[in-house]
Each structure stands twice: as structure tokens, then as C-alpha cells.
C-alpha atoms as a PDB file:
ATOM      1  CA  MET A   1       5.558   7.849  -0.549  1.00  0.00           C
ATOM      2  CA  LYS A   2       4.950  10.438   1.796  1.00  0.00           C
ATOM      3  CA  LYS A   3       2.908  10.965   5.076  1.00  0.00           C
ATOM      4  CA  GLY A   4      -1.232  11.289   3.837  1.00  0.00           C
ATOM      5  CA  ASP A   5      -0.450   9.116   0.130  1.00  0.00           C
ATOM      6  CA  LEU A   6      -2.844   6.699   0.000  1.00  0.00           C
ATOM      7  CA  ALA A   7      -0.748   3.483  -1.140  1.00  0.00           C
ATOM      8  CA  LEU A   8      -3.236   0.125  -2.541  1.00  0.00           C
ATOM      9  CA  ILE A   9      -1.413  -2.944  -1.465  1.00  0.00           C
ATOM     10  CA  TYR A  10      -2.252  -6.136  -3.434  1.00  0.00           C
ATOM     11  CA  TRP A  11      -1.276  -8.908  -1.497  1.00  0.00           C
ATOM     12  CA  ASP A  12      -0.975 -12.681  -1.826  1.00  0.00           C
ATOM     13  CA  ASN A  13       1.547 -13.690   0.765  1.00  0.00           C
ATOM     14  CA  LEU A  14       0.783 -12.509   4.426  1.00  0.00           C
ATOM     15  CA  TYR A  15       4.507 -11.696   5.310  1.00  0.00           C
ATOM     16  CA  PRO A  16       5.168  -9.002   2.767  1.00  0.00           C
ATOM     17  CA  HIS A  17       1.935  -7.825   3.129  1.00  0.00           C
ATOM     18  CA  TRP A  18       2.704  -6.931   6.835  1.00  0.00           C
ATOM     19  CA  VAL A  19       5.936  -5.625   6.461  1.00  0.00           C
ATOM     20  CA  LEU A  20       4.613  -3.253   3.299  1.00  0.00           C
ATOM     21  CA  VAL A  21       1.615  -2.007   6.161  1.00  0.00           C
ATOM     22  CA  MET A  22       4.054  -1.429   8.483  1.00  0.00           C
ATOM     23  CA  ALA A  23       6.138   0.747   6.445  1.00  0.00           C
ATOM     24  CA  CYS A  24       3.518   2.861   5.187  1.00  0.00           C
ATOM     25  CA  GLU A  25       2.246   3.105   8.970  1.00  0.00           C
ATOM     26  CA  VAL A  26       6.102   4.586  10.007  1.00  0.00           C
ATOM     27  CA  ILE A  27       6.243   7.368   7.074  1.00  0.00           C
ATOM     28  CA  GLY A  28       2.454   8.005   7.337  1.00  0.00           C
ATOM     29  CA  ALA A  29       1.157   6.583   4.346  1.00  0.00           C
ATOM     30  CA  ILE A  30      -2.869   5.411   3.949  1.00  0.00           C
ATOM     31  CA  SER A  31      -2.608   2.049   3.459  1.00  0.00           C
ATOM     32  CA  TYR A  32      -5.637  -0.129   2.195  1.00  0.00           C
ATOM     33  CA  SER A  33      -5.341  -4.103   1.247  1.00  0.00           C
ATOM     34  CA  VAL A  34      -7.237  -5.492  -1.446  1.00  0.00           C
ATOM     35  CA  SER A  35      -7.329  -8.999  -2.762  1.00  0.00           C
ATOM     36  CA  ASP A  36      -7.807 -10.398  -6.339  1.00  0.00           C
ATOM     37  CA  ALA A  37     -12.158  -9.693  -5.820  1.00  0.00           C
ATOM     38  CA  GLU A  38     -11.551  -6.696  -5.227  1.00  0.00           C
ATOM     39  CA  PHE A  39      -9.167  -5.129  -7.787  1.00  0.00           C
ATOM     40  CA  SER A  40     -12.500  -4.997  -9.959  1.00  0.00           C
ATOM     41  CA  PHE A  41     -14.221  -2.715  -7.432  1.00  0.00           C
ATOM     42  CA  LEU A  42     -11.381  -0.038  -7.008  1.00  0.00           C
ATOM     43  CA  ASN A  43     -12.422   2.099  -9.605  1.00  0.00           C
ATOM     44  CA  LEU A  44     -15.304   2.969  -6.984  1.00  0.00           C
ATOM     45  CA  LEU A  45     -12.851   4.096  -4.334  1.00  0.00           C
ATOM     46  CA  PRO A  46     -13.452   8.036  -3.300  1.00  0.00           C
ATOM     47  CA  VAL A  47      -9.731   9.237  -3.802  1.00  0.00           C
ATOM     48  CA  LYS A  48      -6.928   8.183  -6.163  1.00  0.00           C
ATOM     49  CA  ALA A  49      -4.451   6.350  -4.907  1.00  0.00           C
ATOM     50  CA  GLU A  50      -0.812   7.739  -5.160  1.00  0.00           C
ATOM     51  CA  PHE A  51       1.082   4.142  -5.064  1.00  0.00           C
ATOM     52  CA  ILE A  52       0.043   0.013  -5.937  1.00  0.00           C
ATOM     53  CA  LEU A  53       2.073  -1.786  -4.162  1.00  0.00           C
ATOM     54  CA  ASP A  54       1.729  -5.472  -6.075  1.00  0.00           C
ATOM     55  CA  SER A  55       3.603  -8.635  -5.956  1.00  0.00           C
ATOM     56  CA  ARG A  56       2.146 -10.711  -8.887  1.00  0.00           C
ATOM     57  CA  ASP A  57       3.900 -11.031 -11.882  1.00  0.00           C
ATOM     58  CA  LEU A  58       1.360 -10.084 -14.244  1.00  0.00           C
ATOM     59  CA  PRO A  59      -0.595  -7.698 -12.655  1.00  0.00           C
ATOM     60  CA  LEU A  60      -4.267  -7.346 -13.472  1.00  0.00           C
ATOM     61  CA  ASN A  61      -5.202  -4.327 -16.177  1.00  0.00           C
ATOM     62  CA  ILE A  62      -5.171  -1.275 -13.325  1.00  0.00           C
ATOM     63  CA  PRO A  63      -7.611   1.544 -14.382  1.00  0.00           C
ATOM     64  CA  GLN A  64      -5.242   4.320 -15.310  1.00  0.00           C
ATOM     65  CA  ASN A  65      -7.021   6.912 -13.560  1.00  0.00           C
ATOM     66  CA  LEU A  66      -6.189   4.796  -9.836  1.00  0.00           C
ATOM     67  CA  SER A  67      -2.454   5.547  -9.708  1.00  0.00           C
ATOM     68  CA  LYS A  68       0.298   6.194 -11.738  1.00  0.00           C
ATOM     69  CA  ASN A  69       3.103   4.866  -9.092  1.00  0.00           C
ATOM     70  CA  PHE A  70       2.892   1.413 -10.127  1.00  0.00           C
ATOM     71  CA  ILE A  71       5.400  -0.574  -7.688  1.00  0.00           C
ATOM     72  CA  HIS A  72       5.824  -4.026  -8.752  1.00  0.00           C
ATOM     73  CA  THR A  73       7.349  -5.730  -4.879  1.00  0.00           C
ATOM     74  CA  ASP A  74       8.199  -8.947  -5.652  1.00  0.00           C
ATOM     75  CA  GLU A  75      11.322 -11.077  -4.078  1.00  0.00           C
ATOM     76  CA  SER A  76      13.697  -9.193  -5.466  1.00  0.00           C
ATOM     77  CA  TRP A  77      11.792  -6.028  -5.071  1.00  0.00           C
ATOM     78  CA  PHE A  78      12.148  -6.693  -1.282  1.00  0.00           C
ATOM     79  CA  GLN A  79      15.743  -7.663  -1.329  1.00  0.00           C
ATOM     80  CA  THR A  80      17.024  -4.420  -3.083  1.00  0.00           C
ATOM     81  CA  ILE A  81      15.040  -2.324  -0.469  1.00  0.00           C
ATOM     82  CA  PHE A  82      16.247  -4.792   2.316  1.00  0.00           C
ATOM     83  CA  LYS A  83      19.770  -4.383   1.530  1.00  0.00           C
ATOM     84  CA  GLN A  84      19.791  -0.442   1.359  1.00  0.00           C
ATOM     85  CA  PRO A  85      20.979   1.121   4.983  1.00  0.00           C
ATOM     86  CA  CYS A  86      18.569   1.498   7.678  1.00  0.00           C
ATOM     87  CA  HIS A  87      17.155   5.098   8.181  1.00  0.00           C
ATOM     88  CA  ASP A  88      17.095   6.787  11.758  1.00  0.00           C
ATOM     89  CA  PRO A  89      13.584   5.359  12.908  1.00  0.00           C
ATOM     90  CA  THR A  90      13.180   8.864  14.763  1.00  0.00           C
ATOM     91  CA  LEU A  91      13.062  10.340  11.864  1.00  0.00           C
ATOM     92  CA  SER A  92       9.357   8.339  10.931  1.00  0.00           C
ATOM     93  CA  SER A  93       6.401  10.849  10.615  1.00  0.00           C
ATOM     94  CA  SER A  94       4.929  11.990  13.609  1.00  0.00           C
ATOM     95  CA  LEU A  95       1.441  10.901  13.576  1.00  0.00           C
ATOM     96  CA  MET A  96      -1.322  12.803  15.187  1.00  0.00           C
ATOM     97  CA  PRO A  97      -4.114  11.339  17.055  1.00  0.00           C
ATOM     98  CA  ASP A  98      -7.013  11.685  14.230  1.00  0.00           C
ATOM     99  CA  ASP A  99      -4.243  10.748  11.230  1.00  0.00           C
ATOM    100  CA  PRO A 100      -5.439   7.836   8.989  1.00  0.00           C
ATOM    101  CA  VAL A 101      -3.580   5.044   8.776  1.00  0.00           C
ATOM    102  CA  ARG A 102      -5.787   2.316   7.409  1.00  0.00           C
ATOM    103  CA  PHE A 103      -8.457   2.320   4.705  1.00  0.00           C
ATOM    104  CA  HIS A 104     -10.819  -0.500   4.942  1.00  0.00           C
ATOM    105  CA  ASN A 105     -13.951  -1.428   3.102  1.00  0.00           C
ATOM    106  CA  SER A 106     -17.196  -3.565   4.718  1.00  0.00           C
ATOM    107  CA  SER A 107     -19.747  -5.806   3.066  1.00  0.00           C
ATOM    108  CA  GLY A 108     -22.032  -3.435   4.894  1.00  0.00           C
ATOM    109  CA  THR A 109     -23.412  -6.085   7.242  1.00  0.00           C
ATOM    110  CA  THR A 110     -20.418  -5.868   9.524  1.00  0.00           C
END
């Protein structure tokens, strides 16, 4: 994943979701959090996601046009990631004030 990539994050547990959102921010990737109810509307997104991060054991059928990079972010994936050596935080992406970091939808009434 790199700066400017769009990552769809499915979450059913707040803490892992928060970790993934913050990791995307450090990298400079744009995160978009989705719930079960929103998966049926993902084909309406105006852009294609570079990554889908999904914690479910049995993911829903994800339209192939959404992304070719699916990462199953279950507990064992997190354990593997946290065992890796830490990278120098000064090497993180430098964001400019106009760089997008979150993509969010609205009901249209908010």
C-alpha cells in the first residue's frame, strides 16, 4: 500500500478498525470504513479501491471490479504484522494539507 491508494476497511471490532485507519493515515493511503449494510452499495463508488481489508472469516461476495487486492485482517494477520520490526516513523508519508486521508459517505441529510 502506498500514498494515495484507497483502502476499504470492513470492521466488526473497533480496536482493529482503529489500528487499520491509523496505519493508512501514516502511509498516506485513503481509508473508507464499510459495514455489512454498505457492502451491497460498494459498486456505486466512483473509484476502484486498491485494497480491501476484511476481518470476517467468510467475507461477503465482493464484486471483482472493486479491488484485486484482498487482505484477510483476522487476529493471526495482526499477530504476524506486530511481530515484524518497527519501521522508522520519520519515513512515513508526508501529507500535504489538501491530501485526502478519509473517504466517507453520508445519508444526504447530514
